Protein backbone atom coordinates (compact mmCIF):
# COMPACT_ATOMS: atom_id res chain seq x y z
CA MET A 1 -43.11 -150.10 -42.75
CA GLU A 2 -42.79 -151.89 -39.45
CA THR A 3 -40.10 -152.43 -36.86
CA LEU A 4 -38.26 -155.68 -36.17
CA SER A 5 -37.31 -156.98 -32.75
CA ASP A 6 -33.95 -156.32 -31.12
CA SER A 7 -32.43 -159.27 -32.96
CA ALA A 8 -32.66 -157.32 -36.21
CA ARG A 9 -30.70 -154.33 -34.93
CA GLU A 10 -27.44 -153.42 -36.60
CA SER A 11 -24.85 -150.86 -35.44
CA SER A 12 -27.22 -149.85 -32.61
CA GLU A 13 -29.69 -148.44 -35.14
CA GLU A 14 -33.01 -150.23 -35.66
CA LEU A 15 -33.59 -150.99 -39.32
CA ARG A 16 -37.05 -150.90 -40.85
CA TRP A 17 -38.60 -153.81 -42.73
CA MET A 18 -41.58 -154.59 -44.92
CA ARG A 19 -43.33 -157.66 -46.20
CA LEU A 20 -42.93 -158.77 -49.80
CA ASP A 21 -45.84 -157.91 -52.04
CA ASN A 22 -48.08 -160.71 -53.27
CA MET A 23 -46.24 -161.24 -56.57
CA ALA A 24 -42.77 -160.82 -55.07
CA LYS A 25 -43.12 -163.86 -52.80
CA ILE A 26 -42.62 -166.25 -55.70
CA TYR A 27 -39.24 -164.85 -56.79
CA PRO A 28 -37.01 -165.88 -53.86
CA ALA A 29 -38.61 -169.33 -53.91
CA ALA A 30 -38.16 -169.75 -57.66
CA LYS A 31 -34.46 -168.87 -57.70
CA ARG A 32 -31.87 -171.32 -59.00
CA LYS A 33 -28.19 -171.69 -58.21
CA ASP A 34 -27.31 -170.03 -61.52
CA TRP A 35 -30.44 -167.88 -62.00
CA SER A 36 -32.28 -165.08 -60.24
CA ASN A 37 -35.05 -162.96 -61.71
CA VAL A 38 -33.41 -159.60 -62.44
CA PHE A 39 -34.05 -156.84 -64.98
CA ARG A 40 -31.99 -153.87 -66.13
CA LEU A 41 -32.95 -150.31 -67.03
CA SER A 42 -30.28 -148.23 -68.76
CA ALA A 43 -29.96 -144.59 -69.80
CA TRP A 44 -27.37 -143.22 -72.21
CA LEU A 45 -26.21 -139.69 -71.47
CA THR A 46 -24.59 -137.21 -73.87
CA GLU A 47 -21.37 -137.12 -71.82
CA THR A 48 -19.20 -139.56 -69.91
CA VAL A 49 -20.63 -140.44 -66.51
CA ASP A 50 -18.88 -139.03 -63.43
CA GLY A 51 -18.85 -141.93 -60.97
CA ALA A 52 -18.38 -139.74 -57.88
CA THR A 53 -21.37 -137.55 -58.76
CA LEU A 54 -23.46 -140.64 -59.52
CA GLN A 55 -22.63 -141.96 -56.05
CA THR A 56 -23.71 -138.76 -54.30
CA ALA A 57 -26.88 -138.64 -56.42
CA LEU A 58 -27.73 -142.22 -55.42
CA ASN A 59 -27.09 -141.44 -51.76
CA ALA A 60 -29.42 -138.44 -52.00
CA ILE A 61 -32.43 -140.25 -53.50
CA LEU A 62 -32.36 -143.52 -51.56
CA PRO A 63 -34.44 -142.25 -48.60
CA ARG A 64 -37.19 -141.44 -51.10
CA PHE A 65 -37.38 -145.12 -52.13
CA PRO A 66 -37.59 -147.20 -48.92
CA SER A 67 -39.13 -150.15 -50.79
CA ILE A 68 -36.16 -150.31 -53.20
CA ALA A 69 -33.22 -149.36 -50.96
CA VAL A 70 -33.43 -152.75 -49.26
CA ARG A 71 -31.93 -156.18 -48.97
CA LEU A 72 -33.75 -159.50 -48.93
CA ARG A 73 -33.84 -161.24 -45.57
CA ARG A 74 -35.05 -164.67 -44.52
CA GLY A 75 -37.62 -165.01 -41.75
CA MET A 76 -39.17 -168.09 -40.16
CA PHE A 77 -42.34 -167.92 -42.25
CA TRP A 78 -41.60 -165.53 -45.16
CA TYR A 79 -38.78 -163.63 -46.77
CA TYR A 80 -38.95 -159.90 -46.07
CA LEU A 81 -37.25 -156.67 -47.18
CA GLU A 82 -35.01 -154.80 -44.78
CA GLU A 83 -33.73 -151.25 -45.06
CA LEU A 84 -30.08 -151.02 -46.09
CA PRO A 85 -27.76 -149.92 -43.27
CA GLU A 86 -25.85 -147.76 -45.77
CA PRO A 87 -26.05 -146.87 -49.48
CA PRO A 88 -24.49 -149.39 -51.88
CA GLU A 89 -21.43 -148.44 -53.89
CA VAL A 90 -21.92 -147.63 -57.56
CA LYS A 91 -19.58 -149.73 -59.68
CA ALA A 92 -18.11 -149.87 -63.16
CA ASP A 93 -20.19 -152.02 -65.49
CA GLY A 94 -19.12 -155.60 -66.12
CA SER A 95 -18.33 -157.54 -69.26
CA ASP A 96 -21.91 -158.18 -70.37
CA PRO A 97 -25.40 -157.13 -69.22
CA LEU A 98 -27.24 -158.82 -66.37
CA THR A 99 -24.39 -160.96 -65.17
CA HIS A 100 -25.61 -163.38 -62.55
CA ILE A 101 -26.26 -161.87 -59.11
CA GLU A 102 -25.55 -164.38 -56.39
CA PHE A 103 -28.40 -164.82 -53.94
CA SER A 104 -25.97 -164.03 -51.15
CA ASP A 105 -25.45 -160.60 -52.75
CA ILE A 106 -29.22 -160.01 -53.00
CA ARG A 107 -29.37 -160.64 -49.27
CA LYS A 108 -26.90 -157.76 -48.86
CA CYS A 109 -28.47 -155.40 -51.40
CA ALA A 110 -31.26 -156.33 -53.83
CA PHE A 111 -30.32 -153.86 -56.58
CA ARG A 112 -27.15 -152.47 -58.09
CA VAL A 113 -26.17 -149.28 -59.92
CA VAL A 114 -23.43 -149.58 -62.54
CA TYR A 115 -21.98 -147.23 -65.14
CA CYS A 116 -19.74 -147.40 -68.20
CA ARG A 117 -18.70 -144.49 -70.39
CA ASN A 118 -21.94 -142.54 -70.92
CA ARG A 119 -24.34 -145.24 -69.69
CA ILE A 120 -26.00 -145.53 -66.27
CA SER A 121 -27.79 -148.80 -65.48
CA VAL A 122 -29.81 -150.06 -62.55
CA GLU A 123 -30.46 -153.78 -62.09
CA PHE A 124 -33.34 -154.81 -59.80
CA PHE A 125 -34.18 -158.14 -58.21
CA HIS A 126 -37.79 -158.53 -59.30
CA ALA A 127 -39.05 -158.94 -55.73
CA LEU A 128 -38.49 -155.20 -55.24
CA THR A 129 -40.46 -153.74 -58.10
CA ASP A 130 -41.49 -154.13 -61.73
CA GLY A 131 -40.35 -152.13 -64.76
CA ASN A 132 -42.81 -149.34 -64.04
CA GLY A 133 -41.47 -148.75 -60.53
CA GLY A 134 -37.91 -149.25 -61.73
CA ILE A 135 -38.12 -146.54 -64.40
CA ILE A 136 -39.34 -144.02 -61.81
CA PHE A 137 -36.30 -144.84 -59.68
CA LEU A 138 -33.94 -144.45 -62.66
CA LYS A 139 -35.48 -141.17 -63.82
CA THR A 140 -35.28 -139.73 -60.30
CA LEU A 141 -31.62 -140.82 -60.08
CA LEU A 142 -30.89 -139.19 -63.45
CA ALA A 143 -32.62 -135.97 -62.40
CA GLU A 144 -30.55 -135.76 -59.21
CA TYR A 145 -27.35 -136.55 -61.15
CA ILE A 146 -28.08 -133.80 -63.68
CA GLU A 147 -28.84 -131.29 -60.92
CA GLN A 148 -25.60 -132.07 -59.11
CA LYS A 149 -23.43 -132.35 -62.23
CA TYR A 150 -24.72 -129.38 -64.24
CA GLY A 151 -26.53 -127.26 -61.68
CA VAL A 152 -29.77 -127.50 -63.66
CA PRO A 153 -32.99 -127.81 -61.60
CA VAL A 154 -35.21 -130.64 -62.87
CA PRO A 155 -38.97 -130.35 -62.20
CA CYS A 156 -40.70 -133.27 -60.49
CA GLU A 157 -42.89 -134.47 -63.36
CA HIS A 158 -43.20 -137.44 -65.74
CA GLY A 159 -42.25 -139.85 -62.95
CA VAL A 160 -39.38 -137.85 -61.46
CA LEU A 161 -40.02 -137.81 -57.72
CA ASP A 162 -38.97 -135.06 -55.32
CA ARG A 163 -36.21 -136.61 -53.28
CA ARG A 164 -36.78 -133.95 -50.57
CA GLU A 165 -40.34 -135.22 -50.10
CA ALA A 166 -41.21 -138.00 -47.67
CA PRO A 167 -42.29 -141.30 -49.27
CA LYS A 168 -46.05 -141.54 -49.69
CA PRO A 169 -47.91 -144.48 -48.10
CA GLU A 170 -49.62 -145.37 -51.37
CA GLU A 171 -46.21 -145.80 -53.02
CA LEU A 172 -45.28 -148.51 -50.52
CA GLU A 173 -48.51 -150.50 -50.50
CA ASP A 174 -49.05 -154.00 -51.76
CA SER A 175 -51.91 -153.17 -54.16
CA PHE A 176 -52.87 -156.75 -54.96
CA PRO A 177 -55.15 -157.43 -51.92
CA LYS A 178 -57.06 -154.19 -52.56
CA TYR A 179 -58.36 -155.29 -55.95
CA THR A 180 -59.62 -158.84 -55.52
CA ASN A 181 -63.14 -160.12 -56.10
CA ASP A 182 -65.10 -163.18 -55.03
CA VAL A 183 -64.29 -165.30 -58.09
CA SER A 184 -60.94 -167.02 -58.49
CA ARG A 185 -59.80 -168.03 -61.98
CA SER A 186 -58.01 -171.28 -62.72
CA ARG A 187 -54.33 -170.99 -63.60
CA TRP A 188 -54.29 -174.07 -65.80
CA GLU A 189 -52.80 -173.70 -69.28
CA GLU A 190 -51.33 -176.13 -71.75
CA ASP A 191 -47.54 -176.31 -71.95
CA ALA A 192 -45.98 -174.25 -74.73
CA PHE A 193 -43.15 -174.90 -77.17
CA HIS A 194 -39.69 -174.12 -75.78
CA MET A 195 -36.81 -173.00 -77.95
CA SER A 196 -33.39 -174.54 -77.49
CA GLY A 197 -29.83 -174.03 -78.65
CA THR A 198 -26.16 -174.26 -77.78
CA THR A 199 -25.70 -172.84 -74.28
CA GLU A 200 -22.74 -170.51 -73.75
CA LEU A 201 -20.53 -172.34 -71.28
CA ASP A 202 -19.11 -169.12 -69.82
CA ASN A 203 -22.63 -167.72 -69.17
CA PHE A 204 -22.11 -164.90 -71.66
CA HIS A 205 -25.34 -163.10 -72.54
CA HIS A 206 -25.83 -162.05 -76.14
CA LEU A 207 -27.69 -158.76 -76.48
CA ILE A 208 -29.24 -157.57 -79.74
CA VAL A 209 -31.11 -154.25 -79.82
CA GLY A 210 -33.25 -153.17 -82.74
CA THR A 211 -34.04 -149.46 -83.09
CA LEU A 212 -37.12 -148.35 -85.03
CA ASP A 213 -38.99 -145.14 -85.64
CA VAL A 214 -41.95 -145.00 -83.25
CA LYS A 215 -44.22 -143.18 -85.69
CA GLU A 216 -43.58 -145.77 -88.41
CA ALA A 217 -44.25 -148.66 -86.02
CA LEU A 218 -47.43 -147.07 -84.66
CA ALA A 219 -48.67 -146.31 -88.17
CA LEU A 220 -48.17 -149.96 -89.16
CA ALA A 221 -50.01 -151.18 -86.05
CA ARG A 222 -52.90 -148.80 -86.70
CA SER A 223 -53.14 -149.93 -90.31
CA TYR A 224 -54.02 -153.38 -88.94
CA GLY A 225 -56.33 -151.91 -86.29
CA VAL A 226 -54.19 -153.14 -83.36
CA THR A 227 -51.87 -151.72 -80.71
CA LEU A 228 -48.09 -151.70 -80.95
CA THR A 229 -47.83 -154.43 -78.31
CA VAL A 230 -50.22 -156.65 -80.28
CA LEU A 231 -48.14 -156.08 -83.43
CA LEU A 232 -44.86 -156.98 -81.72
CA ALA A 233 -46.37 -160.02 -79.98
CA SER A 234 -47.76 -161.27 -83.30
CA VAL A 235 -44.39 -160.87 -85.01
CA MET A 236 -42.81 -162.77 -82.11
CA ILE A 237 -45.34 -165.60 -82.38
CA SER A 238 -44.87 -165.82 -86.14
CA SER A 239 -41.08 -165.95 -85.68
CA ILE A 240 -41.29 -168.75 -83.10
CA VAL A 241 -43.74 -170.74 -85.25
CA SER A 242 -41.08 -170.79 -87.99
CA ILE A 243 -38.52 -172.14 -85.52
CA GLN A 244 -40.86 -174.88 -84.29
CA ASN A 245 -41.69 -175.88 -87.88
CA GLU A 246 -37.98 -176.44 -88.52
CA GLN A 247 -37.31 -178.28 -85.27
CA ILE A 248 -40.54 -180.31 -85.17
CA PRO A 249 -41.83 -180.80 -88.73
CA ARG A 250 -44.59 -183.18 -87.66
CA ARG A 251 -47.52 -180.93 -86.79
CA SER A 252 -49.23 -183.38 -84.43
CA ARG A 253 -46.18 -183.26 -82.14
CA GLN A 254 -45.98 -179.49 -82.00
CA LYS A 255 -47.05 -177.39 -79.02
CA PRO A 256 -48.83 -174.06 -78.66
CA VAL A 257 -46.81 -170.91 -79.27
CA LYS A 258 -47.56 -168.32 -76.59
CA VAL A 259 -45.89 -165.08 -75.52
CA LEU A 260 -45.98 -163.89 -71.92
CA ILE A 261 -46.93 -160.19 -71.71
CA PRO A 262 -46.85 -158.34 -68.37
CA VAL A 263 -49.80 -155.97 -67.92
CA ASN A 264 -49.38 -152.80 -65.86
CA LEU A 265 -52.34 -152.91 -63.46
CA ARG A 266 -51.84 -149.31 -62.33
CA LYS A 267 -53.67 -148.15 -65.45
CA LEU A 268 -56.67 -150.38 -64.68
CA PHE A 269 -56.97 -149.70 -60.97
CA GLY A 270 -55.32 -146.32 -60.42
CA SER A 271 -52.60 -147.54 -58.06
CA SER A 272 -49.52 -145.41 -57.29
CA SER A 273 -47.49 -148.29 -55.84
CA LEU A 274 -43.78 -148.42 -56.64
CA ARG A 275 -43.76 -152.14 -55.86
CA ASN A 276 -44.82 -154.97 -58.15
CA PHE A 277 -48.27 -154.42 -59.60
CA VAL A 278 -48.44 -156.35 -62.86
CA LEU A 279 -50.07 -159.58 -64.00
CA ASN A 280 -49.11 -161.65 -66.99
CA ILE A 281 -51.24 -162.77 -69.91
CA SER A 282 -50.17 -165.26 -72.55
CA PRO A 283 -51.79 -164.79 -75.97
CA GLY A 284 -50.87 -167.26 -78.67
CA ILE A 285 -51.91 -169.86 -81.22
CA ASP A 286 -51.99 -173.63 -81.54
CA PRO A 287 -50.09 -174.62 -84.72
CA ARG A 288 -51.59 -178.12 -84.56
CA LEU A 289 -54.85 -176.64 -85.84
CA GLY A 290 -53.30 -175.58 -89.14
CA ASP A 291 -51.35 -172.79 -90.80
CA TYR A 292 -51.99 -169.19 -89.81
CA SER A 293 -51.49 -166.09 -91.90
CA PHE A 294 -49.90 -163.11 -90.18
CA GLU A 295 -53.25 -161.29 -90.30
CA GLU A 296 -54.90 -164.22 -88.52
CA ILE A 297 -52.29 -164.15 -85.77
CA LEU A 298 -52.81 -160.40 -85.37
CA GLN A 299 -56.55 -160.78 -84.92
CA ILE A 300 -56.25 -163.71 -82.51
CA VAL A 301 -53.74 -161.87 -80.30
CA HIS A 302 -55.78 -158.66 -80.49
CA HIS A 303 -58.98 -160.35 -79.31
CA GLN A 304 -57.27 -162.49 -76.67
CA MET A 305 -55.66 -159.42 -75.12
CA ALA A 306 -58.86 -157.38 -75.31
CA MET A 307 -60.73 -160.13 -73.44
CA GLU A 308 -58.05 -160.54 -70.77
CA ILE A 309 -57.14 -156.93 -70.01
CA THR A 310 -60.21 -155.79 -68.10
CA SER A 311 -60.54 -154.91 -64.44
CA LYS A 312 -62.98 -157.80 -63.83
CA GLN A 313 -60.77 -160.44 -65.44
CA MET A 314 -57.66 -159.17 -63.69
CA SER A 315 -59.41 -158.99 -60.31
CA SER A 316 -60.33 -162.65 -60.57
CA ARG A 317 -56.72 -163.53 -61.32
CA ILE A 318 -55.50 -161.39 -58.43
CA GLU A 319 -57.97 -163.27 -56.22
CA ALA A 320 -56.38 -166.59 -57.21
CA ASN A 321 -52.93 -165.32 -56.18
CA VAL A 322 -54.01 -163.67 -52.94
CA ARG A 323 -56.20 -166.61 -51.89
CA PHE A 324 -53.16 -168.91 -51.92
CA GLU A 325 -51.55 -167.16 -48.93
CA GLN A 326 -54.70 -166.60 -46.83
CA PRO A 327 -55.27 -169.97 -45.08
CA LEU A 328 -53.88 -170.11 -41.55
CA ILE A 329 -52.02 -173.33 -42.32
CA VAL A 330 -50.11 -171.54 -45.09
CA LYS A 331 -49.28 -168.58 -42.84
CA LEU A 332 -47.90 -170.90 -40.14
CA MET A 333 -46.02 -173.13 -42.57
CA PRO A 334 -42.21 -172.85 -42.16
CA LEU A 335 -40.45 -170.99 -44.95
CA PHE A 336 -38.53 -174.01 -46.28
CA ILE A 337 -41.82 -175.82 -46.89
CA LYS A 338 -43.37 -172.74 -48.52
CA ASN A 339 -40.34 -172.43 -50.76
CA THR A 340 -40.65 -176.01 -51.94
CA ALA A 341 -44.35 -175.61 -52.65
CA MET A 342 -43.99 -172.24 -54.45
CA LYS A 343 -41.09 -173.50 -56.54
CA MET A 344 -43.23 -176.44 -57.68
CA VAL A 345 -46.06 -174.03 -58.54
CA TYR A 346 -43.69 -171.75 -60.44
CA ASP A 347 -42.26 -174.66 -62.41
CA GLN A 348 -45.74 -175.92 -63.28
CA ILE A 349 -47.58 -172.70 -64.17
CA ALA A 350 -44.90 -170.17 -65.14
CA GLU A 351 -42.15 -170.78 -67.69
CA ARG A 352 -43.55 -174.04 -69.05
CA LYS A 353 -46.66 -172.25 -70.30
CA THR A 354 -45.00 -169.68 -72.60
CA CYS A 355 -42.15 -169.46 -75.09
CA ILE A 356 -40.74 -166.06 -74.17
CA THR A 357 -41.56 -162.86 -72.30
CA LEU A 358 -42.28 -159.69 -74.28
CA SER A 359 -42.44 -156.79 -71.83
CA ASN A 360 -43.30 -153.40 -73.31
CA LEU A 361 -42.49 -150.61 -70.87
CA GLY A 362 -44.08 -148.09 -73.22
CA GLU A 363 -42.97 -144.52 -73.79
CA VAL A 364 -40.40 -143.21 -71.32
CA LYS A 365 -41.17 -139.53 -70.68
CA VAL A 366 -38.82 -137.13 -68.89
CA PRO A 367 -38.99 -133.42 -68.07
CA ASP A 368 -38.02 -131.29 -71.07
CA VAL A 369 -34.86 -130.01 -69.40
CA MET A 370 -33.52 -133.60 -69.16
CA ARG A 371 -33.81 -134.30 -72.89
CA GLN A 372 -30.59 -132.49 -73.76
CA TYR A 373 -28.67 -134.78 -71.37
CA VAL A 374 -30.35 -138.18 -71.99
CA GLU A 375 -30.06 -139.84 -75.42
CA LYS A 376 -31.93 -143.14 -75.01
CA PHE A 377 -33.30 -145.81 -72.66
CA HIS A 378 -33.07 -149.61 -72.85
CA PHE A 379 -35.16 -152.16 -70.94
CA ILE A 380 -33.48 -155.57 -70.65
CA LEU A 381 -34.94 -158.66 -68.98
CA SER A 382 -32.78 -161.48 -67.70
CA VAL A 383 -33.16 -164.82 -69.41
CA GLN A 384 -35.35 -167.18 -67.44
CA ALA A 385 -34.36 -170.41 -65.75
CA THR A 386 -35.55 -172.75 -68.51
CA THR A 387 -36.08 -170.47 -71.53
CA PRO A 388 -33.01 -169.13 -73.35
CA ASN A 389 -34.43 -165.85 -74.74
CA ASN A 390 -36.21 -162.77 -73.42
CA CYS A 391 -37.29 -159.43 -74.84
CA GLY A 392 -37.82 -155.95 -73.35
CA VAL A 393 -39.23 -152.96 -75.22
CA ALA A 394 -39.15 -149.22 -74.48
CA SER A 395 -39.53 -146.05 -76.51
CA TYR A 396 -38.01 -142.64 -75.99
CA ASN A 397 -37.75 -139.44 -78.01
CA GLY A 398 -39.32 -140.91 -81.14
CA LYS A 399 -37.35 -144.17 -81.15
CA LEU A 400 -38.46 -147.69 -80.27
CA TYR A 401 -35.82 -149.93 -78.67
CA ILE A 402 -36.40 -153.71 -78.77
CA SER A 403 -33.81 -155.55 -76.64
CA PHE A 404 -33.32 -159.30 -77.09
CA ILE A 405 -31.11 -161.16 -74.65
CA ARG A 406 -30.17 -164.83 -74.91
CA LYS A 407 -27.86 -167.39 -73.31
CA ILE A 408 -27.45 -169.55 -76.41
CA ARG A 409 -25.25 -168.99 -79.48
CA GLU A 410 -27.98 -169.23 -82.11
CA SER A 411 -29.58 -165.90 -83.10
CA THR A 412 -32.40 -167.47 -85.12
CA LEU A 413 -35.23 -165.83 -83.19
CA GLU A 414 -33.83 -162.30 -83.45
CA ARG A 415 -33.09 -162.79 -87.14
CA ASN A 416 -36.63 -164.03 -87.82
CA PHE A 417 -38.17 -161.21 -85.76
CA PHE A 418 -36.32 -158.28 -87.31
CA THR A 419 -36.54 -159.77 -90.81
CA THR A 420 -40.33 -159.94 -90.42
CA LEU A 421 -40.47 -156.29 -89.30
CA HIS A 422 -38.39 -155.33 -92.32
CA LYS A 423 -40.70 -157.24 -94.66
CA LEU A 424 -43.63 -155.36 -93.11
CA GLY A 425 -42.01 -152.12 -94.23
CA LEU A 426 -40.26 -150.94 -91.07
CA HIS A 427 -36.68 -149.66 -91.08
CA VAL A 428 -34.64 -151.41 -88.38
CA CYS A 429 -31.14 -150.56 -87.15
CA VAL A 430 -29.64 -153.53 -85.28
CA GLU A 431 -26.78 -153.37 -82.78
CA SER A 432 -25.26 -156.07 -80.59
CA ASN A 433 -22.68 -156.60 -77.88
CA GLN A 434 -19.45 -158.20 -79.00
CA ARG A 435 -16.69 -160.56 -78.02
CA SER A 436 -13.03 -159.66 -78.31
CA ARG A 437 -10.00 -161.90 -78.18
CA ASN A 438 -9.66 -160.95 -74.53
CA GLY A 439 -13.25 -161.76 -73.67
CA PRO A 440 -16.69 -160.20 -74.00
CA TRP A 441 -17.66 -156.62 -73.45
CA TYR A 442 -20.97 -154.81 -73.42
CA THR A 443 -21.08 -152.17 -76.17
CA VAL A 444 -24.70 -151.64 -77.20
């Protein structure tokens, strides 16, 4: 981290700052008045959460995460992250998950910790980190909470960091520039089909979570010779194809059906960064070419992902992103011009190219001593600016949790998705948040 000039001093103490990583730079520019790119990680404990202990646990771990304990600030040429002058206050959870965070609040603190009954949740502005960095933060917070609440030492393993240890330089690095190559890949893709529905006027977010047995789901995927992510993406594509067939019966007017899947680059390149280090791929099919059996969709998605997820392919895509910010004219361009340009790029090459995001966080592992205190984890993505649905996936302790969130009333996609899984032989338990006569509340 670096030091700002005297103008950035607060309360006579000089605050530290750091540049946004390569991927993070798009998020402040892409924001809307009623939308910011935020995701939530939640853990359910076996007992009711003690808010005071949670606050002291948060205070204790924040120095270990200087790239997350920050607020977003506006500079002349780029946004940047600045160290918080003091820890944020943990708060009781609101009426529904991922309620809109005003951009003015992100400029005060770019994450929030909330709790309700036996649930602890952390919501992150995506410019700070991705799901992989976020889950390390949450697990470290849980470990500190358990130590303080129950007096049980938790070993620093499975992503639990030692809060007494100084942050490591490799955890704070922007890993993208380290793994470029000399070839830059084109970002062009054809626009995809977009689902639509009746928007909730009060901005209520419907949440539906399907719980499956991990072993059953993995056995089904292996019977087809594919990974679990390929299986879930194929079910998603099949479900959306059914929706498009109903809304646009004429095949020649249909559009491709593609699912955006974030890929954790740490596994490819060996990075230990706690900041953003993912790239997105978008496997899918073109329904205009004819009908597809489910087995065909599986094989297409399987081969598309196998071709894309290699270090060479990803390096060329990283090069395209990094190259954008290298020219001197871009570096010297005022921020308001950069914002306009990046927002246009985001609108042209991001949401328009896919139908929905399917982000699989994978298996959440914790030290054995924590298992008796933590029941489950959920991973919830905010809905995007122009697409009404999103989906996050995580597994823990033998269970697979698939979390759909939407800002429209119609639950057609979720119904199609879970019905397809059931027809494939998987047992699914579905829960949802609810509305009462006095308003909505978050119960899942």
